Amino acid sequence: MEFQKTPGWLDWYNGPTKPTFKLPAGAVDAHCHVFGPGAEFPYAPERKYTPCDASKQQLYALRDHLGFARNVVVQATCHGADNRAMVDALVSSGGKARGVATVKRSVSDAELQAMHDAGVRGVRFNFVKRLVDFTPKDELLEIAGRIAKWGWHVVIYFEAVDLPELWDFFTALPTTVVVDHMGRPDVSKPVDGPEFELFVKFMREHQNVWCKVTCPERLSVAGPKALHGEQNAYQDVVPFAKRIVDTFPDRVIWGTDWPHPNLKDHMPDDGLLVDFIPHIAPTAAQQQQLLVDNPMRLYWPEEVA
């Protein structure tokens, strides 16, 4: 099937630099995606955007180039609840990838077991209204209850302004909960202001909540951008991510978000994105937890002593 990209779509950065920052051995890119290719894995009819193709081969070539050992492939919204492209990437990874799926209430236990066998370890609930149609909370709670027996977790994607109305639902989830992209804080507001304080309170009061300190390229309003060799990119995001890493060092993970869906302003150099990491996790101990120990505990617990 032929697919036409959404007008103005920014393709992923070709020819990323080699990071200056040397990742610790066994580092995990804990948030990335595959798109199609559409001719093999068609995009969902109900999708809100049509991306460029971004194959498993291209993802794993980037993994090796950047110096990661493993990936966590998160189901992209353009594929809806058709997880075939993501599962195919896991099966093709030689055990070096785990996955996060999107499922509906109608999913069977046999389908969940097959996804588990392929390497899926979580489901994603998306509350960003411009990306998905709303799924009733009772359906999501039912799914969360069903996946708990496999030891899966729930990944939640939302925007900071919506946390108050989602609080009761999030705190009722019976699994580990992983927040995408720090709950998308408004970094033009104070890091100790009421909006981000509420997110910190959410993590402090609920020990089952983890956070991806990811996507500075989405959150930054002042830059500078991760382009042209810039070693101090997205400085306005650093205080927010660093606060989470400092406060909850055993519940943070990091990922590239390759191939960076729906970016409007610019497409970052993924090598320079890796060089962002020591700004938010300056010590070797923090880097080890963020990039190795925490994602291994969450996605490969059978390998953790």
C-alpha atoms as a PDB file:
ATOM      1  CA  MET A   1       0.000   0.000   0.000  1.00  0.00           C
ATOM      2  CA  GLU A   2       1.217   3.501  -0.842  1.00  0.00           C
ATOM      3  CA  PHE A   3       1.105   6.102   1.939  1.00  0.00           C
ATOM      4  CA  GLN A   4       1.645   9.848   1.550  1.00  0.00           C
ATOM      5  CA  LYS A   5       3.386  11.499   4.487  1.00  0.00           C
ATOM      6  CA  THR A   6       1.523  14.189   6.384  1.00  0.00           C
ATOM      7  CA  PRO A   7       2.361  17.550   4.737  1.00  0.00           C
ATOM      8  CA  GLY A   8       5.350  19.170   6.421  1.00  0.00           C
ATOM      9  CA  TRP A   9       6.431  15.919   8.075  1.00  0.00           C
ATOM     10  CA  LEU A  10      10.049  16.037   9.271  1.00  0.00           C
ATOM     11  CA  ASP A  11      11.996  12.870   8.477  1.00  0.00           C
ATOM     12  CA  TRP A  12      14.532  11.561  10.973  1.00  0.00           C
ATOM     13  CA  TYR A  13      18.056  12.992  10.890  1.00  0.00           C
ATOM     14  CA  ASN A  14      20.250  11.202   8.377  1.00  0.00           C
ATOM     15  CA  GLY A  15      23.898  10.658   9.302  1.00  0.00           C
ATOM     16  CA  PRO A  16      23.861  11.429  13.050  1.00  0.00           C
ATOM     17  CA  THR A  17      27.165  12.237  14.701  1.00  0.00           C
ATOM     18  CA  LYS A  18      28.965   9.812  16.978  1.00  0.00           C
ATOM     19  CA  PRO A  19      28.219  10.897  20.557  1.00  0.00           C
ATOM     20  CA  THR A  20      31.008  12.519  22.542  1.00  0.00           C
ATOM     21  CA  PHE A  21      29.506  10.976  25.697  1.00  0.00           C
ATOM     22  CA  LYS A  22      30.464   7.312  26.030  1.00  0.00           C
ATOM     23  CA  LEU A  23      27.460   5.304  27.138  1.00  0.00           C
ATOM     24  CA  PRO A  24      27.999   2.776  29.935  1.00  0.00           C
ATOM     25  CA  ALA A  25      28.243  -0.867  28.863  1.00  0.00           C
ATOM     26  CA  GLY A  26      24.797  -2.391  28.432  1.00  0.00           C
ATOM     27  CA  ALA A  27      22.978   0.931  27.948  1.00  0.00           C
ATOM     28  CA  VAL A  28      19.315   0.728  26.905  1.00  0.00           C
ATOM     29  CA  ASP A  29      17.512   3.128  24.554  1.00  0.00           C
ATOM     30  CA  ALA A  30      14.271   2.755  26.498  1.00  0.00           C
ATOM     31  CA  HIS A  31      11.940   4.733  24.214  1.00  0.00           C
ATOM     32  CA  CYS A  32      11.967   4.447  20.437  1.00  0.00           C
ATOM     33  CA  HIS A  33       9.607   3.421  17.641  1.00  0.00           C
ATOM     34  CA  VAL A  34       9.350   1.745  14.276  1.00  0.00           C
ATOM     35  CA  PHE A  35       7.092   3.103  11.521  1.00  0.00           C
ATOM     36  CA  GLY A  36       6.028   0.424   9.075  1.00  0.00           C
ATOM     37  CA  PRO A  37       7.441   0.259   6.514  1.00  0.00           C
ATOM     38  CA  GLY A  38       3.927   0.991   5.327  1.00  0.00           C
ATOM     39  CA  ALA A  39       4.108  -1.414   2.383  1.00  0.00           C
ATOM     40  CA  GLU A  40       4.688  -4.271   4.826  1.00  0.00           C
ATOM     41  CA  PHE A  41       2.893  -3.036   7.949  1.00  0.00           C
ATOM     42  CA  PRO A  42       0.150  -0.597   6.881  1.00  0.00           C
ATOM     43  CA  TYR A  43      -0.611   2.437   9.020  1.00  0.00           C
ATOM     44  CA  ALA A  44      -3.907   2.406  10.907  1.00  0.00           C
ATOM     45  CA  PRO A  45      -6.983   3.832   9.146  1.00  0.00           C
ATOM     46  CA  GLU A  46      -7.846   5.869  12.277  1.00  0.00           C
ATOM     47  CA  ARG A  47      -4.347   7.428  12.568  1.00  0.00           C
ATOM     48  CA  LYS A  48      -3.968  11.163  13.190  1.00  0.00           C
ATOM     49  CA  TYR A  49      -0.772  11.402  11.092  1.00  0.00           C
ATOM     50  CA  THR A  50       1.092   9.500   8.380  1.00  0.00           C
ATOM     51  CA  PRO A  51       4.834   9.305   9.089  1.00  0.00           C
ATOM     52  CA  CYS A  52       7.900   8.506   7.048  1.00  0.00           C
ATOM     53  CA  ASP A  53       8.909   4.855   7.086  1.00  0.00           C
ATOM     54  CA  ALA A  54      11.416   3.970   9.836  1.00  0.00           C
ATOM     55  CA  SER A  55      12.328   0.306   9.770  1.00  0.00           C
ATOM     56  CA  LYS A  56      13.700  -2.087  12.362  1.00  0.00           C
ATOM     57  CA  GLN A  57      16.942  -2.312  10.367  1.00  0.00           C
ATOM     58  CA  GLN A  58      17.385   1.453  10.514  1.00  0.00           C
ATOM     59  CA  LEU A  59      16.565   1.509  14.241  1.00  0.00           C
ATOM     60  CA  TYR A  60      19.089  -1.178  15.075  1.00  0.00           C
ATOM     61  CA  ALA A  61      21.766   0.421  12.895  1.00  0.00           C
ATOM     62  CA  LEU A  62      21.234   3.619  14.924  1.00  0.00           C
ATOM     63  CA  ARG A  63      21.467   1.611  18.167  1.00  0.00           C
ATOM     64  CA  ASP A  64      24.869   0.296  17.158  1.00  0.00           C
ATOM     65  CA  HIS A  65      26.089   3.675  15.892  1.00  0.00           C
ATOM     66  CA  LEU A  66      25.154   5.475  19.118  1.00  0.00           C
ATOM     67  CA  GLY A  67      26.574   2.742  21.349  1.00  0.00           C
ATOM     68  CA  PHE A  68      23.426   1.290  22.924  1.00  0.00           C
ATOM     69  CA  ALA A  69      23.181  -2.428  23.648  1.00  0.00           C
ATOM     70  CA  ARG A  70      19.379  -2.744  23.676  1.00  0.00           C
ATOM     71  CA  ASN A  71      16.114  -1.028  22.766  1.00  0.00           C
ATOM     72  CA  VAL A  72      12.603  -0.717  24.106  1.00  0.00           C
ATOM     73  CA  VAL A  73      10.297  -0.299  21.108  1.00  0.00           C
ATOM     74  CA  VAL A  74       7.100   1.561  21.969  1.00  0.00           C
ATOM     75  CA  GLN A  75       4.026   1.110  19.791  1.00  0.00           C
ATOM     76  CA  ALA A  76       3.532   4.219  17.643  1.00  0.00           C
ATOM     77  CA  THR A  77       0.080   5.811  17.537  1.00  0.00           C
ATOM     78  CA  CYS A  78       0.090   5.745  13.715  1.00  0.00           C
ATOM     79  CA  HIS A  79      -0.238   1.941  13.964  1.00  0.00           C
ATOM     80  CA  GLY A  80      -3.126   2.057  16.441  1.00  0.00           C
ATOM     81  CA  ALA A  81      -3.603  -1.303  18.182  1.00  0.00           C
ATOM     82  CA  ASP A  82      -2.039  -3.246  15.297  1.00  0.00           C
ATOM     83  CA  ASN A  83       1.223  -4.220  16.979  1.00  0.00           C
ATOM     84  CA  ARG A  84       2.691  -6.298  14.146  1.00  0.00           C
ATOM     85  CA  ALA A  85       5.476  -3.894  13.155  1.00  0.00           C
ATOM     86  CA  MET A  86       6.603  -3.482  16.763  1.00  0.00           C
ATOM     87  CA  VAL A  87       6.423  -7.223  17.502  1.00  0.00           C
ATOM     88  CA  ASP A  88       8.315  -8.016  14.287  1.00  0.00           C
ATOM     89  CA  ALA A  89      11.073  -5.645  15.422  1.00  0.00           C
ATOM     90  CA  LEU A  90      11.296  -7.477  18.756  1.00  0.00           C
ATOM     91  CA  VAL A  91      11.406 -10.927  17.177  1.00  0.00           C
ATOM     92  CA  SER A  92      14.159  -9.737  14.814  1.00  0.00           C
ATOM     93  CA  SER A  93      16.306  -8.256  17.594  1.00  0.00           C
ATOM     94  CA  GLY A  94      17.978 -11.415  18.868  1.00  0.00           C
ATOM     95  CA  GLY A  95      16.741 -10.713  22.388  1.00  0.00           C
ATOM     96  CA  LYS A  96      18.116  -7.164  22.368  1.00  0.00           C
ATOM     97  CA  ALA A  97      14.684  -5.474  22.370  1.00  0.00           C
ATOM     98  CA  ARG A  98      11.593  -5.408  24.523  1.00  0.00           C
ATOM     99  CA  GLY A  99       8.301  -3.749  23.620  1.00  0.00           C
ATOM    100  CA  VAL A 100       5.341  -1.698  24.800  1.00  0.00           C
ATOM    101  CA  ALA A 101       2.051  -2.435  23.024  1.00  0.00           C
ATOM    102  CA  THR A 102      -1.267  -0.696  22.495  1.00  0.00           C
ATOM    103  CA  VAL A 103      -4.207  -3.029  23.065  1.00  0.00           C
ATOM    104  CA  LYS A 104      -7.983  -2.864  23.143  1.00  0.00           C
ATOM    105  CA  ARG A 105     -10.425  -4.556  25.481  1.00  0.00           C
ATOM    106  CA  SER A 106     -11.099  -7.181  22.818  1.00  0.00           C
ATOM    107  CA  VAL A 107      -7.514  -8.554  22.964  1.00  0.00           C
ATOM    108  CA  SER A 108      -7.463 -12.216  23.944  1.00  0.00           C
ATOM    109  CA  ASP A 109      -5.270 -13.803  26.601  1.00  0.00           C
ATOM    110  CA  ALA A 110      -3.685 -15.890  23.837  1.00  0.00           C
ATOM    111  CA  GLU A 111      -2.733 -12.694  21.973  1.00  0.00           C
ATOM    112  CA  LEU A 112      -1.275 -11.193  25.158  1.00  0.00           C
ATOM    113  CA  GLN A 113       0.714 -14.369  25.785  1.00  0.00           C
ATOM    114  CA  ALA A 114       2.056 -14.311  22.210  1.00  0.00           C
ATOM    115  CA  MET A 115       3.145 -10.694  22.656  1.00  0.00           C
ATOM    116  CA  HIS A 116       4.782 -11.568  25.974  1.00  0.00           C
ATOM    117  CA  ASP A 117       6.672 -14.408  24.326  1.00  0.00           C
ATOM    118  CA  ALA A 118       7.884 -11.948  21.663  1.00  0.00           C
ATOM    119  CA  GLY A 119       9.174  -9.542  24.329  1.00  0.00           C
ATOM    120  CA  VAL A 120       6.311  -7.142  25.109  1.00  0.00           C
ATOM    121  CA  ARG A 121       6.429  -6.010  28.731  1.00  0.00           C
ATOM    122  CA  GLY A 122       3.928  -3.155  28.917  1.00  0.00           C
ATOM    123  CA  VAL A 123       0.951  -1.360  27.404  1.00  0.00           C
ATOM    124  CA  ARG A 124       0.690   2.320  26.569  1.00  0.00           C
ATOM    125  CA  PHE A 125      -2.277   4.537  27.407  1.00  0.00           C
ATOM    126  CA  ASN A 126      -2.237   7.796  25.466  1.00  0.00           C
ATOM    127  CA  PHE A 127      -4.095  10.833  26.816  1.00  0.00           C
ATOM    128  CA  VAL A 128      -2.731  13.417  24.356  1.00  0.00           C
ATOM    129  CA  LYS A 129      -5.944  14.406  22.644  1.00  0.00           C
ATOM    130  CA  ARG A 130      -4.356  15.603  19.390  1.00  0.00           C
ATOM    131  CA  LEU A 131      -2.781  12.160  18.856  1.00  0.00           C
ATOM    132  CA  VAL A 132      -5.526   9.671  19.707  1.00  0.00           C
ATOM    133  CA  ASP A 133      -9.242   9.335  20.282  1.00  0.00           C
ATOM    134  CA  PHE A 134     -10.169   8.975  23.940  1.00  0.00           C
ATOM    135  CA  THR A 135     -10.479   5.432  25.328  1.00  0.00           C
ATOM    136  CA  PRO A 136     -12.944   5.062  28.247  1.00  0.00           C
ATOM    137  CA  LYS A 137     -11.146   4.783  31.572  1.00  0.00           C
ATOM    138  CA  ASP A 138     -13.084   1.683  32.596  1.00  0.00           C
ATOM    139  CA  GLU A 139     -11.726  -0.111  29.520  1.00  0.00           C
ATOM    140  CA  LEU A 140      -8.167   0.990  30.355  1.00  0.00           C
ATOM    141  CA  LEU A 141      -8.519  -0.158  33.985  1.00  0.00           C
ATOM    142  CA  GLU A 142      -9.777  -3.521  32.766  1.00  0.00           C
ATOM    143  CA  ILE A 143      -6.745  -3.868  30.471  1.00  0.00           C
ATOM    144  CA  ALA A 144      -4.391  -2.849  33.295  1.00  0.00           C
ATOM    145  CA  GLY A 145      -5.888  -5.499  35.541  1.00  0.00           C
ATOM    146  CA  ARG A 146      -5.517  -8.197  32.886  1.00  0.00           C
ATOM    147  CA  ILE A 147      -1.864  -7.475  32.038  1.00  0.00           C
ATOM    148  CA  ALA A 148      -0.783  -7.486  35.682  1.00  0.00           C
ATOM    149  CA  LYS A 149      -0.564 -11.283  35.743  1.00  0.00           C
ATOM    150  CA  TRP A 150       2.211 -11.152  33.126  1.00  0.00           C
ATOM    151  CA  GLY A 151       4.118  -8.622  35.235  1.00  0.00           C
ATOM    152  CA  TRP A 152       3.617  -5.933  32.589  1.00  0.00           C
ATOM    153  CA  HIS A 153       3.506  -2.224  33.383  1.00  0.00           C
ATOM    154  CA  VAL A 154       1.463   0.678  32.049  1.00  0.00           C
ATOM    155  CA  VAL A 155       3.066   3.560  30.154  1.00  0.00           C
ATOM    156  CA  ILE A 156       1.065   6.800  30.312  1.00  0.00           C
ATOM    157  CA  TYR A 157       1.433   9.741  27.935  1.00  0.00           C
ATOM    158  CA  PHE A 158      -0.228  12.990  28.945  1.00  0.00           C
ATOM    159  CA  GLU A 159       0.395  16.726  29.155  1.00  0.00           C
ATOM    160  CA  ALA A 160       1.118  18.512  32.428  1.00  0.00           C
ATOM    161  CA  VAL A 161      -2.042  20.612  32.449  1.00  0.00           C
ATOM    162  CA  ASP A 162      -4.148  17.430  32.417  1.00  0.00           C
ATOM    163  CA  LEU A 163      -2.543  15.735  35.448  1.00  0.00           C
ATOM    164  CA  PRO A 164      -5.084  17.051  38.009  1.00  0.00           C
ATOM    165  CA  GLU A 165      -8.045  15.526  36.170  1.00  0.00           C
ATOM    166  CA  LEU A 166      -6.184  12.251  35.507  1.00  0.00           C
ATOM    167  CA  TRP A 167      -4.727  11.899  39.016  1.00  0.00           C
ATOM    168  CA  ASP A 168      -7.412   9.571  40.428  1.00  0.00           C
ATOM    169  CA  PHE A 169      -7.248   7.284  37.410  1.00  0.00           C
ATOM    170  CA  PHE A 170      -3.456   7.092  37.370  1.00  0.00           C
ATOM    171  CA  THR A 171      -3.250   6.356  41.090  1.00  0.00           C
ATOM    172  CA  ALA A 172      -5.792   3.525  40.727  1.00  0.00           C
ATOM    173  CA  LEU A 173      -3.648   1.601  38.228  1.00  0.00           C
ATOM    174  CA  PRO A 174      -2.593  -1.755  39.756  1.00  0.00           C
ATOM    175  CA  THR A 175       0.806  -2.008  38.054  1.00  0.00           C
ATOM    176  CA  THR A 176       4.087  -0.170  37.771  1.00  0.00           C
ATOM    177  CA  VAL A 177       3.325   3.079  35.889  1.00  0.00           C
ATOM    178  CA  VAL A 178       5.880   4.719  33.592  1.00  0.00           C
ATOM    179  CA  VAL A 179       5.346   8.346  32.550  1.00  0.00           C
ATOM    180  CA  ASP A 180       6.416   9.346  29.053  1.00  0.00           C
ATOM    181  CA  HIS A 181       8.506  12.507  28.657  1.00  0.00           C
ATOM    182  CA  MET A 182       8.091  13.775  32.248  1.00  0.00           C
ATOM    183  CA  GLY A 183       4.409  14.403  31.622  1.00  0.00           C
ATOM    184  CA  ARG A 184       5.320  17.097  29.087  1.00  0.00           C
ATOM    185  CA  PRO A 185       6.012  20.002  31.496  1.00  0.00           C
ATOM    186  CA  ASP A 186       5.853  23.594  30.315  1.00  0.00           C
ATOM    187  CA  VAL A 187       9.531  24.468  30.748  1.00  0.00           C
ATOM    188  CA  SER A 188       8.822  28.169  30.417  1.00  0.00           C
ATOM    189  CA  LYS A 189       7.316  27.912  33.920  1.00  0.00           C
ATOM    190  CA  PRO A 190       9.436  27.593  37.091  1.00  0.00           C
ATOM    191  CA  VAL A 191      10.881  24.186  37.890  1.00  0.00           C
ATOM    192  CA  ASP A 192       9.640  24.698  41.462  1.00  0.00           C
ATOM    193  CA  GLY A 193       6.284  26.120  40.343  1.00  0.00           C
ATOM    194  CA  PRO A 194       2.942  24.483  41.160  1.00  0.00           C
ATOM    195  CA  GLU A 195       2.578  22.575  37.888  1.00  0.00           C
ATOM    196  CA  PHE A 196       5.861  20.660  38.093  1.00  0.00           C
ATOM    197  CA  GLU A 197       5.585  20.366  41.878  1.00  0.00           C
ATOM    198  CA  LEU A 198       2.385  18.403  41.315  1.00  0.00           C
ATOM    199  CA  PHE A 199       4.262  15.959  39.092  1.00  0.00           C
ATOM    200  CA  VAL A 200       7.029  15.564  41.683  1.00  0.00           C
ATOM    201  CA  LYS A 201       4.325  14.968  44.321  1.00  0.00           C
ATOM    202  CA  PHE A 202       2.767  12.334  42.050  1.00  0.00           C
ATOM    203  CA  MET A 203       6.070  10.438  41.937  1.00  0.00           C
ATOM    204  CA  ARG A 204       6.918  10.994  45.602  1.00  0.00           C
ATOM    205  CA  GLU A 205       3.585   9.714  46.890  1.00  0.00           C
ATOM    206  CA  HIS A 206       3.363   6.727  44.533  1.00  0.00           C
ATOM    207  CA  GLN A 207       6.380   4.439  44.612  1.00  0.00           C
ATOM    208  CA  ASN A 208       5.103   2.496  41.584  1.00  0.00           C
ATOM    209  CA  VAL A 209       5.509   5.547  39.306  1.00  0.00           C
ATOM    210  CA  TRP A 210       8.596   5.778  37.071  1.00  0.00           C
ATOM    211  CA  CYS A 211       9.564   8.538  34.642  1.00  0.00           C
ATOM    212  CA  LYS A 212      11.187   8.784  31.217  1.00  0.00           C
ATOM    213  CA  VAL A 213      13.377  11.910  31.315  1.00  0.00           C
ATOM    214  CA  THR A 214      13.128  12.049  27.548  1.00  0.00           C
ATOM    215  CA  CYS A 215      12.342  14.314  24.612  1.00  0.00           C
ATOM    216  CA  PRO A 216      14.031  17.626  25.426  1.00  0.00           C
ATOM    217  CA  GLU A 217      13.619  18.409  21.718  1.00  0.00           C
ATOM    218  CA  ARG A 218       9.830  18.361  22.242  1.00  0.00           C
ATOM    219  CA  LEU A 219       9.830  20.327  25.475  1.00  0.00           C
ATOM    220  CA  SER A 220      12.409  23.047  24.839  1.00  0.00           C
ATOM    221  CA  VAL A 221      11.227  26.533  23.997  1.00  0.00           C
ATOM    222  CA  ALA A 222      14.574  28.357  24.178  1.00  0.00           C
ATOM    223  CA  GLY A 223      17.060  25.766  22.915  1.00  0.00           C
ATOM    224  CA  PRO A 224      19.726  25.703  21.683  1.00  0.00           C
ATOM    225  CA  LYS A 225      18.886  22.809  19.349  1.00  0.00           C
ATOM    226  CA  ALA A 226      20.779  19.522  19.073  1.00  0.00           C
ATOM    227  CA  LEU A 227      22.236  20.421  15.681  1.00  0.00           C
ATOM    228  CA  HIS A 228      25.559  21.535  14.191  1.00  0.00           C
ATOM    229  CA  GLY A 229      27.704  20.033  16.963  1.00  0.00           C
ATOM    230  CA  GLU A 230      25.888  21.803  19.813  1.00  0.00           C
ATOM    231  CA  GLN A 231      27.082  20.312  23.112  1.00  0.00           C
ATOM    232  CA  ASN A 232      24.744  22.278  25.385  1.00  0.00           C
ATOM    233  CA  ALA A 233      21.384  21.665  23.742  1.00  0.00           C
ATOM    234  CA  TYR A 234      17.979  22.283  25.332  1.00  0.00           C
ATOM    235  CA  GLN A 235      19.310  23.958  28.447  1.00  0.00           C
ATOM    236  CA  ASP A 236      15.824  25.079  29.503  1.00  0.00           C
ATOM    237  CA  VAL A 237      14.815  21.417  29.929  1.00  0.00           C
ATOM    238  CA  VAL A 238      17.861  20.423  32.007  1.00  0.00           C
ATOM    239  CA  PRO A 239      16.584  21.647  35.438  1.00  0.00           C
ATOM    240  CA  PHE A 240      13.352  19.651  35.071  1.00  0.00           C
ATOM    241  CA  ALA A 241      14.978  16.387  34.005  1.00  0.00           C
ATOM    242  CA  LYS A 242      17.858  16.764  36.471  1.00  0.00           C
ATOM    243  CA  ARG A 243      15.441  17.307  39.347  1.00  0.00           C
ATOM    244  CA  ILE A 244      13.683  14.030  38.559  1.00  0.00           C
ATOM    245  CA  VAL A 245      16.975  12.138  38.185  1.00  0.00           C
ATOM    246  CA  ASP A 246      18.298  13.591  41.455  1.00  0.00           C
ATOM    247  CA  THR A 247      15.091  12.915  43.389  1.00  0.00           C
ATOM    248  CA  PHE A 248      14.112   9.503  42.017  1.00  0.00           C
ATOM    249  CA  PRO A 249      17.366   7.928  40.766  1.00  0.00           C
ATOM    250  CA  ASP A 250      16.024   4.373  40.870  1.00  0.00           C
ATOM    251  CA  ARG A 251      12.839   5.151  38.881  1.00  0.00           C
ATOM    252  CA  VAL A 252      14.103   6.983  35.793  1.00  0.00           C
ATOM    253  CA  ILE A 253      14.888   5.738  32.291  1.00  0.00           C
ATOM    254  CA  TRP A 254      15.964   7.442  29.049  1.00  0.00           C
ATOM    255  CA  GLY A 255      15.432   6.956  25.327  1.00  0.00           C
ATOM    256  CA  THR A 256      16.009   8.703  22.022  1.00  0.00           C
ATOM    257  CA  ASP A 257      12.351   8.747  20.852  1.00  0.00           C
ATOM    258  CA  TRP A 258      13.693   7.933  17.372  1.00  0.00           C
ATOM    259  CA  PRO A 259      12.338   8.578  14.735  1.00  0.00           C
ATOM    260  CA  HIS A 260      10.810  11.547  16.586  1.00  0.00           C
ATOM    261  CA  PRO A 261       7.178  11.576  15.408  1.00  0.00           C
ATOM    262  CA  ASN A 262       5.296  14.816  14.912  1.00  0.00           C
ATOM    263  CA  LEU A 263       8.138  17.248  15.477  1.00  0.00           C
ATOM    264  CA  LYS A 264       7.280  20.609  13.926  1.00  0.00           C
ATOM    265  CA  ASP A 265      10.297  22.828  14.573  1.00  0.00           C
ATOM    266  CA  HIS A 266      13.422  20.774  13.817  1.00  0.00           C
ATOM    267  CA  MET A 267      14.752  17.230  13.703  1.00  0.00           C
ATOM    268  CA  PRO A 268      17.576  16.628  16.222  1.00  0.00           C
ATOM    269  CA  ASP A 269      20.876  14.896  15.560  1.00  0.00           C
ATOM    270  CA  ASP A 270      20.544  11.728  17.658  1.00  0.00           C
ATOM    271  CA  GLY A 271      24.259  11.727  18.476  1.00  0.00           C
ATOM    272  CA  LEU A 272      23.883  15.153  20.053  1.00  0.00           C
ATOM    273  CA  LEU A 273      20.764  13.958  21.901  1.00  0.00           C
ATOM    274  CA  VAL A 274      22.924  11.316  23.593  1.00  0.00           C
ATOM    275  CA  ASP A 275      25.312  14.107  24.557  1.00  0.00           C
ATOM    276  CA  PHE A 276      22.394  15.695  26.462  1.00  0.00           C
ATOM    277  CA  ILE A 277      22.456  12.831  28.998  1.00  0.00           C
ATOM    278  CA  PRO A 278      25.400  13.964  31.190  1.00  0.00           C
ATOM    279  CA  HIS A 279      23.694  17.355  31.649  1.00  0.00           C
ATOM    280  CA  ILE A 280      20.791  15.666  33.462  1.00  0.00           C
ATOM    281  CA  ALA A 281      22.717  12.735  34.991  1.00  0.00           C
ATOM    282  CA  PRO A 282      26.203  14.113  35.685  1.00  0.00           C
ATOM    283  CA  THR A 283      27.661  11.291  37.771  1.00  0.00           C
ATOM    284  CA  ALA A 284      28.705   7.829  36.637  1.00  0.00           C
ATOM    285  CA  ALA A 285      26.404   6.313  39.266  1.00  0.00           C
ATOM    286  CA  GLN A 286      23.395   8.240  37.949  1.00  0.00           C
ATOM    287  CA  GLN A 287      24.243   7.299  34.359  1.00  0.00           C
ATOM    288  CA  GLN A 288      24.512   3.624  35.307  1.00  0.00           C
ATOM    289  CA  GLN A 289      21.089   3.669  36.965  1.00  0.00           C
ATOM    290  CA  LEU A 290      19.389   5.716  34.254  1.00  0.00           C
ATOM    291  CA  LEU A 291      20.757   3.814  31.275  1.00  0.00           C
ATOM    292  CA  VAL A 292      21.447   0.281  32.517  1.00  0.00           C
ATOM    293  CA  ASP A 293      20.221  -0.764  35.969  1.00  0.00           C
ATOM    294  CA  ASN A 294      16.718   0.730  35.870  1.00  0.00           C
ATOM    295  CA  PRO A 295      15.689  -0.307  32.340  1.00  0.00           C
ATOM    296  CA  MET A 296      17.135  -3.784  32.886  1.00  0.00           C
ATOM    297  CA  ARG A 297      15.109  -4.165  36.092  1.00  0.00           C
ATOM    298  CA  LEU A 298      11.959  -3.085  34.272  1.00  0.00           C
ATOM    299  CA  TYR A 299      12.352  -4.899  30.949  1.00  0.00           C
ATOM    300  CA  TRP A 300      14.825  -7.762  31.528  1.00  0.00           C
ATOM    301  CA  PRO A 301      14.245  -8.619  35.206  1.00  0.00           C
ATOM    302  CA  GLU A 302      15.177 -12.246  34.570  1.00  0.00           C
ATOM    303  CA  GLU A 303      18.752 -11.100  33.836  1.00  0.00           C
ATOM    304  CA  VAL A 304      19.094  -8.976  36.972  1.00  0.00           C
ATOM    305  CA  ALA A 305      20.620 -10.805  39.911  1.00  0.00           C
END
